[in-house]
N, C-alpha and C. Protein backbone atom coordinates (compact mmCIF):
# COMPACT_ATOMS: atom_id res chain seq x y z
N UNK A 1 0.85 -1.26 -0.11
CA UNK A 1 0.21 -0.09 -0.17
C UNK A 1 0.91 1.05 0.25
N UNK A 2 0.95 2.39 -0.66
CA UNK A 2 1.67 3.43 -0.59
C UNK A 2 1.73 4.92 0.45
N UNK A 3 1.96 4.96 0.79
CA UNK A 3 2.52 5.87 1.82
C UNK A 3 0.72 6.83 1.64
N UNK A 4 0.80 7.57 0.37
CA UNK A 4 -0.66 8.23 0.45
C UNK A 4 -1.89 7.84 1.02
N UNK A 5 -1.56 6.33 0.45
CA UNK A 5 -3.19 5.41 0.63
C UNK A 5 -2.82 5.27 2.28
N UNK A 6 -1.64 5.21 2.69
CA UNK A 6 -1.77 5.05 4.19
C UNK A 6 -2.71 6.10 4.70
N UNK A 7 -1.57 7.68 4.30
CA UNK A 7 -1.91 8.65 5.13
C UNK A 7 -3.20 9.01 4.94
N UNK A 8 -4.07 8.16 3.99
CA UNK A 8 -5.28 8.81 3.60
C UNK A 8 -6.29 8.09 4.80
N UNK A 9 -6.16 6.47 4.93
CA UNK A 9 -6.79 5.55 5.73
C UNK A 9 -6.48 6.35 6.94
N UNK A 10 -5.62 6.61 7.23
CA UNK A 10 -5.45 7.18 8.83
C UNK A 10 -6.10 8.74 8.92
N UNK A 11 -6.51 9.09 7.77
CA UNK A 11 -6.97 10.22 8.32
C UNK A 11 -8.73 10.17 8.10
N UNK A 12 -8.96 8.99 7.09
CA UNK A 12 -10.07 9.20 7.42
C UNK A 12 -10.58 7.81 8.42
N UNK A 13 -9.57 7.30 9.27
CA UNK A 13 -10.15 6.81 10.62
C UNK A 13 -10.23 7.80 11.97
N UNK A 14 -9.03 8.69 11.62
CA UNK A 14 -9.23 9.98 12.45
C UNK A 14 -10.33 10.39 12.52
N UNK A 15 -10.80 10.61 11.55
CA UNK A 15 -12.40 11.15 11.47
C UNK A 15 -13.33 10.54 11.83
N UNK A 16 -13.64 9.27 11.52
CA UNK A 16 -14.38 8.09 11.86
C UNK A 16 -14.49 8.10 13.68
N UNK A 17 -13.12 8.14 14.16
CA UNK A 17 -13.22 8.14 15.43
C UNK A 17 -13.46 9.31 16.09
N UNK A 18 -13.69 10.20 15.53
CA UNK A 18 -13.85 11.65 16.26
C UNK A 18 -15.73 11.53 16.46
N UNK A 19 -16.35 10.75 15.52
CA UNK A 19 -17.54 10.53 15.28
C UNK A 19 -17.66 9.83 16.89
N UNK A 20 -16.93 8.94 17.30
CA UNK A 20 -17.07 8.30 18.58
C UNK A 20 -18.06 7.27 18.33
N UNK A 21 -17.76 6.66 17.55
CA UNK A 21 -18.46 4.99 17.03
C UNK A 21 -17.50 4.25 16.67
N UNK A 22 -17.04 3.48 17.42
CA UNK A 22 -16.18 2.67 16.82
C UNK A 22 -16.88 0.86 16.88
N UNK A 23 -15.70 0.43 16.06
CA UNK A 23 -16.24 -0.92 15.49
C UNK A 23 -15.77 -1.42 13.91
N UNK A 24 -15.89 -2.52 13.68
CA UNK A 24 -15.52 -3.07 12.46
C UNK A 24 -16.85 -3.14 11.62
N UNK A 25 -16.58 -2.75 10.35
CA UNK A 25 -17.30 -2.48 9.21
C UNK A 25 -17.37 -3.90 9.20
N UNK A 26 -18.62 -4.23 8.51
CA UNK A 26 -18.84 -5.73 7.48
C UNK A 26 -18.17 -6.21 6.13
N UNK A 27 -17.76 -7.22 5.76
CA UNK A 27 -16.70 -7.39 4.41
C UNK A 27 -17.77 -7.15 3.24
N UNK A 28 -17.69 -7.43 1.96
CA UNK A 28 -18.03 -8.11 0.80
C UNK A 28 -18.74 -7.20 -0.20
N UNK A 29 -17.61 -5.85 -0.27
CA UNK A 29 -17.69 -5.37 -1.56
C UNK A 29 -16.73 -6.17 -2.67
N UNK A 30 -16.73 -5.69 -3.49
CA UNK A 30 -16.01 -5.95 -4.59
C UNK A 30 -16.73 -5.11 -6.23
N UNK A 31 -16.52 -5.35 -7.16
CA UNK A 31 -16.47 -3.96 -8.71
C UNK A 31 -17.96 -4.46 -8.48
N UNK A 32 -18.91 -2.92 -8.23
CA UNK A 32 -19.46 -3.06 -9.02
C UNK A 32 -20.34 -3.54 -9.87
N UNK A 33 -21.38 -4.38 -9.88
CA UNK A 33 -21.85 -4.70 -11.08
C UNK A 33 -21.29 -6.35 -11.19
N UNK A 34 -20.39 -6.61 -10.56
CA UNK A 34 -19.24 -7.76 -11.11
C UNK A 34 -19.56 -8.86 -10.08
N UNK A 35 -18.84 -9.63 -10.07
CA UNK A 35 -18.50 -11.10 -9.05
C UNK A 35 -17.91 -10.97 -8.31
N UNK A 36 -17.62 -11.51 -7.38
CA UNK A 36 -17.23 -11.31 -5.98
C UNK A 36 -17.71 -10.34 -4.98
N UNK A 37 -18.72 -10.22 -5.34
CA UNK A 37 -19.75 -9.28 -4.32
C UNK A 37 -20.36 -9.64 -2.92
N UNK A 38 -20.15 -9.49 -1.50
CA UNK A 38 -20.77 -9.81 -0.84
C UNK A 38 -22.54 -9.34 -0.70
N UNK A 39 -22.79 -9.80 -0.02
CA UNK A 39 -24.69 -9.80 -0.09
C UNK A 39 -24.17 -8.90 1.41
N UNK A 40 -24.85 -7.64 1.70
CA UNK A 40 -25.22 -6.93 2.99
C UNK A 40 -25.39 -7.90 3.61
N UNK A 41 -25.24 -8.07 5.22
CA UNK A 41 -25.28 -8.94 6.10
C UNK A 41 -25.93 -8.34 7.11
N UNK A 42 -27.14 -7.06 6.70
CA UNK A 42 -27.96 -6.50 7.71
C UNK A 42 -29.10 -7.37 7.19
N UNK A 43 -30.25 -7.73 8.60
CA UNK A 43 -31.35 -8.66 8.63
C UNK A 43 -32.35 -8.14 7.64
N UNK A 44 -32.48 -6.60 7.94
CA UNK A 44 -33.47 -5.49 6.69
C UNK A 44 -34.84 -5.94 7.31
N UNK A 45 -34.53 -5.85 8.98
CA UNK A 45 -35.89 -6.62 9.50
C UNK A 45 -36.76 -4.96 9.20
N UNK A 46 -38.44 -5.00 9.60
CA UNK A 46 -39.15 -3.70 9.39
C UNK A 46 -39.35 -3.41 8.08
N UNK A 47 -39.75 -2.36 8.24
CA UNK A 47 -39.72 -1.55 7.37
C UNK A 47 -38.88 -0.99 6.29
N UNK A 48 -37.76 -0.83 6.77
CA UNK A 48 -36.75 0.40 6.40
C UNK A 48 -36.74 -0.20 5.10
N UNK A 49 -36.52 0.66 3.95
CA UNK A 49 -36.27 0.69 2.66
C UNK A 49 -34.69 1.20 2.62
N UNK A 50 -34.03 1.08 3.35
CA UNK A 50 -32.59 0.39 3.02
C UNK A 50 -32.28 -0.70 3.13
N UNK A 51 -32.98 -1.96 3.62
CA UNK A 51 -32.85 -2.79 3.47
C UNK A 51 -32.56 -3.71 1.77
N UNK A 52 -33.20 -3.59 1.12
CA UNK A 52 -32.82 -3.56 0.02
C UNK A 52 -32.08 -2.72 -0.97
N UNK A 53 -30.99 -1.68 0.24
CA UNK A 53 -30.32 -0.76 -0.36
C UNK A 53 -28.83 -1.24 -0.36
N UNK A 54 -28.41 -1.68 -1.29
CA UNK A 54 -26.15 -2.10 -1.60
C UNK A 54 -25.85 -1.33 -2.28
N UNK A 55 -25.04 -0.59 -1.14
CA UNK A 55 -24.52 0.53 -1.36
C UNK A 55 -23.21 0.31 -2.33
N UNK A 56 -22.71 -0.67 -2.40
CA UNK A 56 -21.29 -1.06 -3.03
C UNK A 56 -22.22 -1.35 -4.73
N UNK A 57 -23.56 -0.92 -4.64
CA UNK A 57 -23.25 -0.88 -6.36
C UNK A 57 -24.35 0.24 -6.93
N UNK A 58 -24.22 1.02 -5.38
CA UNK A 58 -25.06 2.43 -5.93
C UNK A 58 -24.52 3.07 -7.44
N UNK A 59 -23.13 3.36 -7.10
CA UNK A 59 -22.65 3.74 -8.27
C UNK A 59 -22.35 2.73 -9.49
N UNK A 60 -22.62 3.07 -10.91
CA UNK A 60 -22.09 1.92 -11.79
C UNK A 60 -20.33 2.44 -12.19
N UNK A 61 -19.64 1.44 -12.28
CA UNK A 61 -18.12 1.46 -12.70
C UNK A 61 -18.22 2.90 -13.51
N UNK A 62 -18.76 3.33 -14.12
CA UNK A 62 -18.71 4.83 -15.06
C UNK A 62 -18.64 5.86 -14.53
N UNK A 63 -19.71 5.85 -13.39
CA UNK A 63 -20.19 6.88 -12.52
C UNK A 63 -18.45 6.91 -11.41
N UNK A 64 -17.96 5.75 -10.77
CA UNK A 64 -16.98 5.96 -10.32
C UNK A 64 -15.87 6.33 -10.74
N UNK A 65 -15.79 5.92 -11.93
CA UNK A 65 -14.43 6.88 -12.88
C UNK A 65 -14.77 7.97 -12.90
N UNK A 66 -15.82 8.38 -13.24
CA UNK A 66 -15.78 9.89 -13.74
C UNK A 66 -15.32 10.80 -12.15
N UNK A 67 -15.33 10.11 -11.09
CA UNK A 67 -15.23 10.73 -10.16
C UNK A 67 -13.72 10.75 -9.80
N UNK A 68 -13.29 10.11 -10.30
CA UNK A 68 -11.62 9.96 -10.53
C UNK A 68 -11.40 8.46 -9.24
N UNK A 69 -12.36 7.72 -9.90
CA UNK A 69 -12.19 6.74 -8.13
C UNK A 69 -12.20 4.95 -9.26
N UNK A 70 -11.15 4.27 -8.77
CA UNK A 70 -10.70 2.59 -9.12
C UNK A 70 -12.18 2.08 -8.57
N UNK A 71 -13.02 1.73 -9.72
CA UNK A 71 -14.54 0.86 -9.37
C UNK A 71 -13.90 -0.71 -8.41
N UNK A 72 -12.66 -0.86 -8.37
CA UNK A 72 -13.00 -1.94 -7.26
C UNK A 72 -13.02 -1.43 -6.23
N UNK A 73 -14.01 -1.62 -5.49
CA UNK A 73 -14.41 -0.66 -4.26
C UNK A 73 -13.86 -1.81 -3.09
N UNK A 74 -13.21 -1.45 -2.24
CA UNK A 74 -12.95 -2.08 -0.58
C UNK A 74 -14.10 -2.04 0.45
N UNK A 75 -14.04 -3.14 1.25
CA UNK A 75 -15.13 -2.78 2.01
C UNK A 75 -14.89 -1.23 2.41
N UNK A 76 -15.67 -1.03 3.30
CA UNK A 76 -15.20 0.45 4.19
C UNK A 76 -14.94 0.53 5.13
N UNK A 77 -14.02 0.84 6.23
CA UNK A 77 -13.55 0.62 7.36
C UNK A 77 -14.13 1.63 8.30
N UNK A 78 -14.63 1.25 9.54
CA UNK A 78 -14.97 2.70 10.57
C UNK A 78 -15.51 1.52 11.21
N UNK A 79 -16.98 2.31 11.67
CA UNK A 79 -18.20 2.04 12.29
C UNK A 79 -18.69 0.61 12.15
N UNK A 80 -19.32 0.39 13.07
CA UNK A 80 -19.66 -1.17 12.91
C UNK A 80 -21.49 -0.56 12.61
N UNK A 81 -21.74 0.53 13.05
CA UNK A 81 -23.66 0.97 12.67
C UNK A 81 -23.50 0.79 11.15
N UNK A 82 -22.37 1.23 10.11
CA UNK A 82 -22.61 1.77 8.60
C UNK A 82 -21.60 0.34 7.90
N UNK A 83 -22.40 0.53 6.44
CA UNK A 83 -21.84 -0.22 6.18
C UNK A 83 -21.50 -0.16 4.55
N UNK A 84 -20.49 -0.36 3.83
CA UNK A 84 -20.49 -0.04 2.31
C UNK A 84 -19.17 -0.29 1.58
N UNK A 85 -18.78 1.01 0.69
CA UNK A 85 -17.80 0.86 0.12
C UNK A 85 -16.70 1.73 -0.48
N UNK A 86 -15.29 2.13 -0.52
CA UNK A 86 -14.80 2.93 -0.29
C UNK A 86 -14.25 2.90 -2.20
N UNK A 87 -13.69 3.69 -2.54
CA UNK A 87 -13.33 4.21 -3.73
C UNK A 87 -12.45 4.76 -3.81
N UNK A 88 -10.81 4.46 -4.11
CA UNK A 88 -9.36 5.32 -4.22
C UNK A 88 -9.49 5.68 -5.36
N UNK A 89 -9.27 7.13 -5.31
CA UNK A 89 -9.19 7.82 -6.54
C UNK A 89 -7.57 8.27 -6.25
N UNK A 90 -7.27 9.35 -7.38
CA UNK A 90 -5.79 10.49 -7.02
C UNK A 90 -6.07 11.21 -6.44
N UNK A 91 -7.19 12.25 -5.95
CA UNK A 91 -7.06 12.96 -5.13
C UNK A 91 -7.47 12.98 -4.29
N UNK A 92 -8.49 12.18 -4.20
CA UNK A 92 -9.06 11.53 -3.44
C UNK A 92 -10.08 10.17 -3.23
N UNK A 93 -10.43 9.95 -1.95
CA UNK A 93 -10.87 8.47 -1.91
C UNK A 93 -12.42 8.81 -1.55
N UNK A 94 -13.59 8.02 -1.52
CA UNK A 94 -14.91 8.47 -1.24
C UNK A 94 -15.41 7.18 -1.02
N UNK A 95 -16.40 7.22 -0.23
CA UNK A 95 -17.38 6.17 0.12
C UNK A 95 -18.61 6.49 0.00
N UNK A 96 -19.62 5.20 -0.15
CA UNK A 96 -20.71 4.87 -0.32
C UNK A 96 -21.00 4.13 1.11
N UNK A 97 -21.68 4.59 1.93
CA UNK A 97 -22.37 3.62 3.20
C UNK A 97 -24.17 3.86 3.35
N UNK A 98 -23.97 2.99 4.11
CA UNK A 98 -25.77 3.37 4.96
C UNK A 98 -25.56 2.81 5.78
N UNK A 99 -26.44 3.51 6.71
CA UNK A 99 -26.35 3.57 8.20
C UNK A 99 -27.74 2.91 8.61
N UNK A 100 -28.31 1.54 8.97
CA UNK A 100 -29.85 0.99 9.21
C UNK A 100 -30.18 1.67 10.21
N UNK A 101 -29.95 2.53 10.88
CA UNK A 101 -30.34 2.83 12.03
C UNK A 101 -29.86 4.31 12.53
N UNK A 102 -29.37 5.16 11.83
CA UNK A 102 -28.94 6.36 11.79
C UNK A 102 -29.86 7.34 11.13
N UNK A 103 -30.66 7.57 11.43
CA UNK A 103 -31.80 8.10 11.18
C UNK A 103 -31.62 9.60 11.57
N UNK A 104 -32.51 10.58 11.18
CA UNK A 104 -31.87 11.98 11.74
C UNK A 104 -32.28 11.96 13.38
N UNK A 105 -32.94 11.56 13.94
CA UNK A 105 -32.77 11.83 15.31
C UNK A 105 -31.75 11.60 15.65
N UNK A 106 -31.04 10.22 15.13
CA UNK A 106 -29.76 9.97 15.76
C UNK A 106 -28.63 11.00 15.27
N UNK A 107 -28.25 11.12 14.03
CA UNK A 107 -27.26 12.29 14.05
C UNK A 107 -28.25 13.46 14.98
N UNK A 108 -29.05 13.90 14.71
CA UNK A 108 -28.94 15.33 15.42
C UNK A 108 -28.59 15.17 17.07
N UNK A 109 -28.74 13.84 17.47
CA UNK A 109 -28.48 13.75 19.05
C UNK A 109 -26.73 13.63 19.12
N UNK A 110 -26.05 13.77 17.66
CA UNK A 110 -24.55 13.54 17.96
C UNK A 110 -24.37 14.93 17.32
N UNK A 111 -24.91 16.13 16.73
CA UNK A 111 -24.34 17.16 16.47
C UNK A 111 -22.91 17.72 17.14
N UNK A 112 -22.89 17.24 18.31
CA UNK A 112 -22.31 17.94 19.02
C UNK A 112 -20.34 17.71 18.83
N UNK A 113 -20.57 16.30 18.22
CA UNK A 113 -19.58 15.48 17.79
C UNK A 113 -18.90 15.85 16.29
N UNK A 114 -19.50 17.20 15.69
CA UNK A 114 -18.87 17.77 14.52
C UNK A 114 -18.69 19.04 14.33
N UNK A 115 -17.73 19.59 13.84
CA UNK A 115 -17.28 21.08 13.91
C UNK A 115 -18.01 21.37 13.10
N UNK A 116 -18.57 20.76 12.01
CA UNK A 116 -19.55 21.18 10.62
C UNK A 116 -20.92 20.56 10.81
N UNK A 117 -21.95 20.96 10.64
CA UNK A 117 -23.57 20.49 10.91
C UNK A 117 -24.32 21.40 9.86
N UNK A 118 -24.37 20.78 8.90
CA UNK A 118 -25.05 21.90 8.25
C UNK A 118 -25.77 21.37 7.28
N UNK A 119 -27.71 21.46 8.03
CA UNK A 119 -29.01 20.75 7.24
C UNK A 119 -28.78 21.24 5.71
N UNK A 120 -29.28 20.48 5.10
CA UNK A 120 -29.63 20.49 2.94
C UNK A 120 -30.57 19.44 2.87
N UNK A 121 -30.38 19.44 1.79
CA UNK A 121 -31.26 18.60 1.34
C UNK A 121 -30.71 18.30 -0.43
N UNK A 122 -30.75 16.89 -0.66
CA UNK A 122 -30.06 16.14 -1.73
C UNK A 122 -31.70 15.65 -2.46
N UNK A 123 -31.57 16.44 -3.83
CA UNK A 123 -32.85 15.55 -4.44
C UNK A 123 -33.95 15.64 -3.62
N UNK A 124 -34.64 14.72 -3.36
CA UNK A 124 -36.02 14.67 -2.45
C UNK A 124 -35.47 14.36 -0.81
N UNK A 125 -34.67 14.09 -1.22
CA UNK A 125 -33.93 13.58 0.64
C UNK A 125 -33.43 14.47 1.71
N UNK A 126 -34.20 14.72 2.84
CA UNK A 126 -32.93 15.67 3.81
C UNK A 126 -31.53 15.24 4.22
N UNK A 127 -31.02 15.58 5.03
CA UNK A 127 -29.77 15.29 5.48
C UNK A 127 -28.95 16.58 5.73
N UNK A 128 -27.74 16.28 5.86
CA UNK A 128 -26.98 17.71 5.83
C UNK A 128 -25.37 17.58 5.81
N UNK A 129 -24.51 18.18 5.55
CA UNK A 129 -22.86 18.00 5.27
C UNK A 129 -21.97 18.29 6.97
N UNK A 130 -21.48 16.94 7.01
CA UNK A 130 -20.95 17.11 8.26
C UNK A 130 -19.50 17.00 8.06
N UNK A 131 -18.47 17.98 9.14
CA UNK A 131 -17.31 17.73 9.17
C UNK A 131 -16.87 17.18 10.69
N UNK A 132 -16.31 16.06 11.50
CA UNK A 132 -16.01 16.07 12.32
C UNK A 132 -15.40 16.86 12.86
N UNK A 133 -15.75 16.73 14.54
CA UNK A 133 -14.70 17.63 14.90
C UNK A 133 -12.87 17.13 14.97
N UNK A 134 -12.17 18.09 15.02
CA UNK A 134 -10.91 18.46 14.46
C UNK A 134 -10.97 18.23 12.89
N UNK A 135 -11.77 17.92 12.16
CA UNK A 135 -12.19 17.83 10.62
C UNK A 135 -12.13 18.85 10.00
N UNK A 136 -11.75 20.11 10.52
CA UNK A 136 -12.08 21.53 9.66
C UNK A 136 -10.43 21.63 8.69
N UNK A 137 -10.45 21.76 7.56
CA UNK A 137 -9.29 22.19 6.97
C UNK A 137 -8.43 20.74 6.73
N UNK A 138 -8.79 19.39 6.95
CA UNK A 138 -8.01 18.62 6.54
C UNK A 138 -8.81 17.53 5.63
N UNK A 139 -9.30 17.99 4.64
CA UNK A 139 -9.83 17.38 3.41
C UNK A 139 -11.16 16.54 3.87
N UNK A 140 -11.74 16.08 4.27
CA UNK A 140 -12.57 15.56 4.94
C UNK A 140 -14.33 16.06 5.36
N UNK A 141 -15.37 14.90 4.65
CA UNK A 141 -16.21 16.04 4.42
C UNK A 141 -17.68 14.41 4.37
N UNK A 142 -18.64 14.87 5.32
CA UNK A 142 -19.77 13.60 4.93
C UNK A 142 -21.00 14.08 4.50
N UNK A 143 -21.62 14.10 2.76
CA UNK A 143 -23.22 14.39 3.02
C UNK A 143 -23.89 12.97 3.73
N UNK A 144 -25.01 13.05 4.60
CA UNK A 144 -26.02 12.30 5.17
C UNK A 144 -27.06 12.59 4.34
N UNK A 145 -27.47 11.68 3.89
CA UNK A 145 -29.44 11.71 4.03
C UNK A 145 -29.98 10.75 4.42
N UNK A 146 -30.70 10.99 4.86
CA UNK A 146 -31.91 10.10 5.89
C UNK A 146 -33.02 9.65 4.52
N UNK A 147 -33.46 8.23 5.08
CA UNK A 147 -34.27 7.28 4.58
C UNK A 147 -34.57 6.06 5.25
N UNK A 148 -36.22 6.30 5.53
CA UNK A 148 -36.20 5.73 6.88
C UNK A 148 -36.27 5.66 7.71
N UNK A 149 -36.08 4.60 8.39
CA UNK A 149 -34.99 4.74 9.92
C UNK A 149 -33.46 4.78 10.21
N UNK A 150 -33.19 4.94 8.75
CA UNK A 150 -31.15 5.44 8.71
C UNK A 150 -30.97 6.12 7.55
N UNK A 151 -29.49 6.12 7.50
CA UNK A 151 -29.37 6.92 6.49
C UNK A 151 -28.44 6.50 5.25
N UNK A 152 -28.24 7.25 4.38
CA UNK A 152 -27.03 7.08 3.28
C UNK A 152 -26.25 8.31 3.15
N UNK A 153 -25.03 7.49 3.71
CA UNK A 153 -23.42 8.81 3.77
C UNK A 153 -22.77 8.68 2.27
N UNK A 154 -22.54 9.49 1.89
CA UNK A 154 -21.32 9.78 1.21
C UNK A 154 -20.36 10.37 1.73
N UNK A 155 -19.04 9.88 1.85
CA UNK A 155 -18.02 10.76 2.36
C UNK A 155 -16.81 10.82 1.25
N UNK A 156 -15.83 11.73 1.28
CA UNK A 156 -14.82 12.10 0.91
C UNK A 156 -13.23 12.40 2.01
N UNK A 157 -12.68 12.19 1.06
CA UNK A 157 -11.08 11.84 2.19
C UNK A 157 -10.37 12.09 1.18
N UNK A 158 -9.47 12.89 1.64
CA UNK A 158 -8.43 14.30 0.19
C UNK A 158 -7.23 13.67 0.68
N UNK A 159 -6.34 13.18 -0.22
CA UNK A 159 -5.03 13.45 0.47
C UNK A 159 -4.57 14.23 0.50
N UNK A 160 -3.29 14.41 1.32
CA UNK A 160 -2.68 15.56 2.49
C UNK A 160 -2.44 16.42 0.97
N UNK A 161 -1.73 15.87 0.59
CA UNK A 161 -1.38 16.67 -0.78
C UNK A 161 -1.90 17.37 -1.74
N UNK A 162 -3.47 17.16 -1.56
CA UNK A 162 -4.86 17.44 -2.75
C UNK A 162 -5.98 18.60 -1.66
N UNK A 163 -5.71 18.36 -0.63
CA UNK A 163 -6.94 19.00 -0.01
C UNK A 163 -7.12 20.20 -0.59
N UNK A 164 -8.39 20.68 -1.01
CA UNK A 164 -9.39 21.52 -1.71
C UNK A 164 -8.69 23.34 -0.60
N UNK A 165 -8.96 23.84 -1.23
CA UNK A 165 -8.86 25.45 -0.35
C UNK A 165 -9.32 25.88 0.50
N UNK A 166 -11.28 25.23 0.98
CA UNK A 166 -11.97 25.22 1.78
C UNK A 166 -12.48 24.52 1.62
N UNK A 167 -13.05 23.80 3.13
CA UNK A 167 -14.05 23.14 3.75
C UNK A 167 -15.43 23.06 2.82
N UNK A 168 -15.91 23.73 2.26
CA UNK A 168 -17.01 23.69 1.33
C UNK A 168 -16.75 23.37 -0.45
N UNK A 169 -15.37 23.02 -0.47
CA UNK A 169 -15.07 22.72 -2.03
C UNK A 169 -15.16 20.74 -1.76
N UNK A 170 -14.48 20.88 -0.45
CA UNK A 170 -14.90 19.42 0.06
C UNK A 170 -16.23 18.82 0.06
N UNK A 171 -16.67 19.97 0.75
CA UNK A 171 -18.19 19.08 1.04
C UNK A 171 -19.18 19.25 -0.50
N UNK A 172 -18.79 20.20 -0.93
CA UNK A 172 -19.48 20.14 -2.25
C UNK A 172 -19.07 18.81 -3.02
N UNK A 173 -17.63 18.48 -3.03
CA UNK A 173 -17.41 16.68 -3.64
C UNK A 173 -18.24 15.89 -2.98
N UNK A 174 -18.76 16.07 -1.50
CA UNK A 174 -19.34 14.66 -1.09
C UNK A 174 -20.43 14.83 -1.45
N UNK A 175 -21.52 16.21 -1.89
CA UNK A 175 -22.73 16.29 -2.17
C UNK A 175 -22.73 16.13 -3.45
N UNK A 176 -22.06 15.94 -4.85
CA UNK A 176 -21.98 16.18 -5.65
C UNK A 176 -21.88 14.57 -6.11
N UNK A 177 -21.32 13.61 -5.44
CA UNK A 177 -21.48 11.86 -5.64
C UNK A 177 -22.58 12.04 -5.04
N UNK A 178 -22.97 12.43 -3.78
CA UNK A 178 -23.96 12.09 -3.35
C UNK A 178 -25.54 12.35 -4.36
N UNK A 179 -25.67 13.43 -4.83
CA UNK A 179 -26.77 13.70 -6.20
C UNK A 179 -27.10 12.40 -6.73
N UNK A 180 -26.04 11.64 -7.16
CA UNK A 180 -25.85 10.74 -8.13
C UNK A 180 -26.35 9.59 -7.36
N UNK A 181 -25.87 9.44 -6.55
CA UNK A 181 -26.28 8.29 -5.15
C UNK A 181 -27.67 8.34 -5.07
N UNK A 182 -28.52 9.68 -4.94
CA UNK A 182 -29.85 9.64 -4.76
C UNK A 182 -30.88 9.43 -5.08
N UNK A 183 -30.34 9.47 -6.51
CA UNK A 183 -31.30 8.96 -7.41
C UNK A 183 -31.42 7.37 -7.86
N UNK A 184 -30.62 7.12 -7.25
CA UNK A 184 -31.07 5.40 -6.85
C UNK A 184 -31.58 4.92 -5.66
N UNK A 185 -31.71 5.50 -4.80
CA UNK A 185 -32.35 4.96 -3.67
C UNK A 185 -33.40 4.88 -3.64
N UNK A 186 -34.03 3.66 -2.81
CA UNK A 186 -35.64 3.23 -2.61
C UNK A 186 -36.41 4.31 -2.33
N UNK A 187 -37.83 3.69 -2.69
CA UNK A 187 -38.32 5.14 -2.28
C UNK A 187 -38.96 5.01 -1.58
């Protein structure tokens, strides 16, 4: 693994740790739309529309490439409450995740875990952009979209030598990717 990727991983792990949510992510990502892909391990009980949503196939290989990413997704590392895939790019890594039980109330209760918590809407889904505590100026941002009793998350982590000039630019990239994912969310 290159020093750049190790640095990005450390930055991402630190950002997730700042959210005060610890655990191990579920494995099971492969090339979107291709073989070797695991099924989400959530039991999908109840009427949560996220039960049928696989964050590892939310973007096509062409869409992933359009954001500068490698379509061979890796299982996202971080919170045990979230599952999904990360995609490595030249300038930044991005992930598409879902949190089955991380609804609007869940995130509202954790507002104080963020330096930036800006409510917004992506398509027809309410959500917010967030930068974890101590994350300002570090090239990390998450775009959350609420869906049912959970949320879909797009996070962006820039490598240390490509951090944009402002947090707004970083969050704009997360929101741009989220706009593509949002069109594919279950109703």
